[in-house]
Amino acid sequence: MITNILFGSGLAFSAAIQPGPLQAFLFSKVASVGWRRTLPAALAPVLSDGPIAVVMLLVLGQLSVTMQVILRAAGGLLLLYFAYRSFMQWRAGEVVESSATDKLPRTLFEATLVNLLNPNPYIGWGLILGPAVVAAWREAPSEGVALVGAFYATMVVTQGLLIYIFGATRWLSPKIRRGLLLVSAVILAGFGVYQLVVAGGGLVGG
C-alpha cells in the first residue's frame, strides 16, 4: 500500500506544481481577490475528475491485461516526456506568468469547468493514473482506494499551499518556480521509469 500511496502522492504533487490552465487561473484569482476567497478553488480537480475517472476506469476495465500493461508502459513514456519538458523549461529558465487583468472565471464551478476542459486529466487518467488504479485494485480494493485518495489529497493540499504562498508573498519568485520545475522533472522521471519497469514485469509475467 505504501508504494501506491507514494505513487499517487508523487504524481499529484508533480501535476499540481506544473504550469497549466488551472494553475494560471488560481494565481490570477489570488492576485485579484486574495488567497482566502481563492482557496476553495483548490477542490476543482476533485469535482471535475469524477466523471472522467468513472468513464476511463469503465473503459480500462474492459481491456485485456496485456492491453492494460501496454497502456501503463505508454504512460511511463508519457511521464518521461513530461519530465524532459519540465527539465528543458527549467534549463531555459521559463516560468509562466499570469495577469490579474485576464478575464478569468470567478467561482469554484467555473474553476471546475476550466479543469474539465483541460486535456491533462483525460490524458492522466487514460494513460497514467487509470492503469495504475486498475492494477492496484486487482491487488486489493483498498490499494486502489489508497492510490486515488493519496492522489487527490496531495493535489488539494499542494494547490492550497501554493494559493496561500502566492497570496502571502503576492508572487512566487521566478527562482522558486524554476526550482519547482526541476523538482517536478525529477519526480516525473522517477515515476516514468517505475511505470516502465512494472509494465515490463507484467509483459514478462504474462
Protein backbone atom coordinates (compact mmCIF):
# COMPACT_ATOMS: atom_id res chain seq x y z
CA MET A 1 0.00 0.00 0.00
CA ILE A 2 2.89 2.34 0.74
CA THR A 3 4.03 2.07 -2.88
CA ASN A 4 0.60 3.07 -4.20
CA ILE A 5 0.34 5.94 -1.72
CA LEU A 6 3.77 7.23 -2.71
CA PHE A 7 2.93 6.87 -6.40
CA GLY A 8 -0.36 8.74 -6.04
CA SER A 9 1.13 11.47 -3.87
CA GLY A 10 4.20 11.99 -6.04
CA LEU A 11 2.18 12.12 -9.23
CA ALA A 12 -0.27 14.61 -7.71
CA PHE A 13 2.50 16.85 -6.41
CA SER A 14 4.13 16.98 -9.83
CA ALA A 15 0.79 17.69 -11.51
CA ALA A 16 -0.11 20.43 -9.03
CA ILE A 17 3.11 22.41 -9.50
CA GLN A 18 3.16 22.07 -13.28
CA PRO A 19 2.24 25.30 -15.14
CA GLY A 20 -1.16 24.91 -16.78
CA PRO A 21 -4.62 26.45 -17.26
CA LEU A 22 -5.83 25.71 -13.73
CA GLN A 23 -2.67 26.97 -12.06
CA ALA A 24 -2.78 30.16 -14.13
CA PHE A 25 -6.41 30.64 -13.11
CA LEU A 26 -5.67 30.10 -9.42
CA PHE A 27 -2.74 32.51 -9.35
CA SER A 28 -4.64 35.17 -11.27
CA LYS A 29 -7.59 34.73 -8.93
CA VAL A 30 -5.35 35.24 -5.91
CA ALA A 31 -3.93 38.38 -7.46
CA SER A 32 -7.41 39.82 -7.97
CA VAL A 33 -9.44 38.72 -4.91
CA GLY A 34 -6.92 37.30 -2.41
CA TRP A 35 -5.95 33.81 -1.28
CA ARG A 36 -8.82 33.28 1.17
CA ARG A 37 -11.51 33.64 -1.48
CA THR A 38 -9.46 31.56 -3.92
CA LEU A 39 -8.70 28.68 -1.56
CA PRO A 40 -11.95 26.71 -2.22
CA ALA A 41 -10.98 26.52 -5.91
CA ALA A 42 -8.22 24.07 -4.90
CA LEU A 43 -11.02 21.48 -4.80
CA ALA A 44 -11.71 21.89 -8.52
CA PRO A 45 -9.77 18.73 -9.61
CA VAL A 46 -11.81 16.58 -7.20
CA LEU A 47 -15.08 17.83 -8.70
CA SER A 48 -14.01 17.79 -12.35
CA ASP A 49 -12.16 14.48 -12.40
CA GLY A 50 -15.05 12.37 -11.09
CA PRO A 51 -16.85 11.86 -14.43
CA ILE A 52 -13.52 11.50 -16.24
CA ALA A 53 -12.33 8.83 -13.78
CA VAL A 54 -15.55 6.82 -14.00
CA VAL A 55 -15.51 6.74 -17.81
CA MET A 56 -11.81 5.91 -18.04
CA LEU A 57 -11.99 3.14 -15.41
CA LEU A 58 -15.01 1.56 -17.11
CA VAL A 59 -13.17 1.55 -20.44
CA LEU A 60 -9.93 0.24 -18.93
CA GLY A 61 -11.83 -2.47 -17.08
CA GLN A 62 -12.98 -3.93 -20.40
CA LEU A 63 -9.45 -4.20 -21.79
CA SER A 64 -7.28 -7.30 -21.59
CA VAL A 65 -4.48 -7.42 -19.04
CA THR A 66 -1.92 -7.23 -21.83
CA MET A 67 -3.50 -4.06 -23.25
CA GLN A 68 -3.60 -2.51 -19.78
CA VAL A 69 0.11 -3.26 -19.35
CA ILE A 70 0.83 -1.68 -22.74
CA LEU A 71 -1.13 1.41 -21.72
CA ARG A 72 0.85 1.55 -18.49
CA ALA A 73 4.09 1.43 -20.48
CA ALA A 74 2.76 4.23 -22.70
CA GLY A 75 2.01 6.18 -19.52
CA GLY A 76 5.58 5.65 -18.37
CA LEU A 77 6.89 7.06 -21.63
CA LEU A 78 4.50 9.99 -21.29
CA LEU A 79 5.81 10.71 -17.79
CA LEU A 80 9.36 10.67 -19.13
CA TYR A 81 8.29 13.14 -21.82
CA PHE A 82 6.73 15.41 -19.19
CA ALA A 83 9.92 15.13 -17.16
CA TYR A 84 12.00 16.09 -20.18
CA ARG A 85 9.74 19.05 -20.93
CA SER A 86 9.94 20.27 -17.32
CA PHE A 87 13.72 19.88 -17.34
CA MET A 88 14.03 21.89 -20.56
CA GLN A 89 11.80 24.62 -19.09
CA TRP A 90 13.99 24.68 -16.00
CA ARG A 91 17.14 24.79 -18.11
CA ALA A 92 15.78 27.66 -20.18
CA GLY A 93 14.56 29.49 -17.08
CA GLU A 94 10.97 29.58 -18.32
CA VAL A 95 8.19 30.41 -15.87
CA VAL A 96 4.53 31.01 -16.54
CA GLU A 97 3.30 34.49 -15.79
CA SER A 98 -0.35 35.24 -15.17
CA SER A 99 -2.04 38.61 -15.26
CA ALA A 100 -4.65 39.78 -12.78
CA THR A 101 -6.36 41.65 -15.59
CA ASP A 102 -7.19 38.47 -17.51
CA LYS A 103 -10.88 37.72 -17.84
CA LEU A 104 -10.94 34.54 -15.78
CA PRO A 105 -13.67 32.52 -14.04
CA ARG A 106 -14.71 33.75 -10.59
CA THR A 107 -16.32 30.74 -8.93
CA LEU A 108 -15.47 27.20 -7.87
CA PHE A 109 -17.90 25.95 -10.51
CA GLU A 110 -16.09 27.83 -13.23
CA ALA A 111 -12.70 26.72 -11.89
CA THR A 112 -14.00 23.16 -12.15
CA LEU A 113 -15.06 23.87 -15.72
CA VAL A 114 -11.56 25.14 -16.52
CA ASN A 115 -10.13 21.81 -15.37
CA LEU A 116 -12.87 19.79 -17.07
CA LEU A 117 -11.97 21.37 -20.41
CA ASN A 118 -8.26 20.85 -19.76
CA PRO A 119 -6.92 17.80 -21.69
CA ASN A 120 -4.46 16.87 -18.94
CA PRO A 121 -6.97 14.99 -16.69
CA TYR A 122 -8.11 12.87 -19.64
CA ILE A 123 -4.53 12.03 -20.59
CA GLY A 124 -3.59 11.40 -16.97
CA TRP A 125 -6.49 9.04 -16.28
CA GLY A 126 -6.27 7.30 -19.65
CA LEU A 127 -2.54 6.58 -19.69
CA ILE A 128 -1.13 7.04 -16.19
CA LEU A 129 -3.48 7.10 -13.23
CA GLY A 130 -6.20 4.86 -14.68
CA PRO A 131 -4.00 1.82 -15.46
CA ALA A 132 -2.23 2.22 -12.11
CA VAL A 133 -5.56 2.28 -10.23
CA VAL A 134 -6.85 -0.78 -12.10
CA ALA A 135 -3.65 -2.70 -11.30
CA ALA A 136 -3.79 -1.62 -7.65
CA TRP A 137 -7.48 -2.58 -7.39
CA ARG A 138 -6.65 -6.08 -8.65
CA GLU A 139 -4.19 -6.45 -5.79
CA ALA A 140 -6.89 -5.35 -3.33
CA PRO A 141 -9.68 -2.75 -3.47
CA SER A 142 -8.05 -0.94 -0.56
CA GLU A 143 -4.90 -0.48 -2.68
CA GLY A 144 -6.84 1.26 -5.43
CA VAL A 145 -8.68 3.45 -2.93
CA ALA A 146 -5.38 4.35 -1.23
CA LEU A 147 -3.82 5.39 -4.55
CA VAL A 148 -6.76 7.59 -5.56
CA GLY A 149 -7.11 9.04 -2.06
CA ALA A 150 -3.41 9.88 -1.86
CA PHE A 151 -3.51 11.47 -5.31
CA TYR A 152 -6.41 13.84 -4.65
CA ALA A 153 -5.47 14.61 -1.05
CA THR A 154 -1.98 15.63 -2.17
CA MET A 155 -3.38 17.55 -5.15
CA VAL A 156 -5.76 19.62 -2.99
CA VAL A 157 -3.22 20.24 -0.22
CA THR A 158 -0.45 21.22 -2.65
CA GLN A 159 -2.66 23.60 -4.60
CA GLY A 160 -3.98 25.05 -1.36
CA LEU A 161 -0.44 25.69 -0.15
CA LEU A 162 0.53 27.29 -3.47
CA ILE A 163 -2.52 29.55 -3.26
CA TYR A 164 -1.59 30.57 0.28
CA ILE A 165 2.10 31.13 -0.53
CA PHE A 166 1.22 33.12 -3.62
CA GLY A 167 -1.22 35.25 -1.62
CA ALA A 168 1.14 35.75 1.31
CA THR A 169 4.07 36.83 -0.85
CA ARG A 170 1.95 38.32 -3.66
CA TRP A 171 4.09 36.34 -6.03
CA LEU A 172 6.15 33.19 -6.18
CA SER A 173 9.62 34.34 -7.18
CA PRO A 174 10.88 33.13 -10.58
CA LYS A 175 13.73 31.34 -8.76
CA ILE A 176 11.30 29.35 -6.60
CA ARG A 177 9.03 28.47 -9.52
CA ARG A 178 12.03 27.45 -11.60
CA GLY A 179 13.19 25.23 -8.77
CA LEU A 180 9.75 23.60 -8.61
CA LEU A 181 10.08 22.72 -12.30
CA LEU A 182 13.31 20.83 -11.58
CA VAL A 183 11.72 19.01 -8.63
CA SER A 184 8.79 18.09 -10.86
CA ALA A 185 11.12 16.81 -13.59
CA VAL A 186 12.96 14.53 -11.15
CA ILE A 187 9.74 13.11 -9.68
CA LEU A 188 8.15 12.56 -13.09
CA ALA A 189 11.25 10.84 -14.42
CA GLY A 190 11.38 8.54 -11.42
CA PHE A 191 7.75 7.50 -11.77
CA GLY A 192 8.12 7.18 -15.53
CA VAL A 193 10.90 4.64 -15.05
CA TYR A 194 8.84 2.90 -12.35
CA GLN A 195 5.88 2.58 -14.72
CA LEU A 196 8.07 1.09 -17.44
CA VAL A 197 9.63 -1.41 -15.02
CA VAL A 198 6.21 -2.50 -13.74
CA ALA A 199 4.86 -2.76 -17.30
CA GLY A 200 7.91 -4.76 -18.36
CA GLY A 201 7.40 -7.16 -15.49
CA GLY A 202 3.73 -7.52 -16.46
CA LEU A 203 4.58 -8.37 -20.05
CA VAL A 204 7.20 -10.92 -18.99
CA GLY A 205 4.86 -12.43 -16.43
CA GLY A 206 2.01 -12.52 -18.93
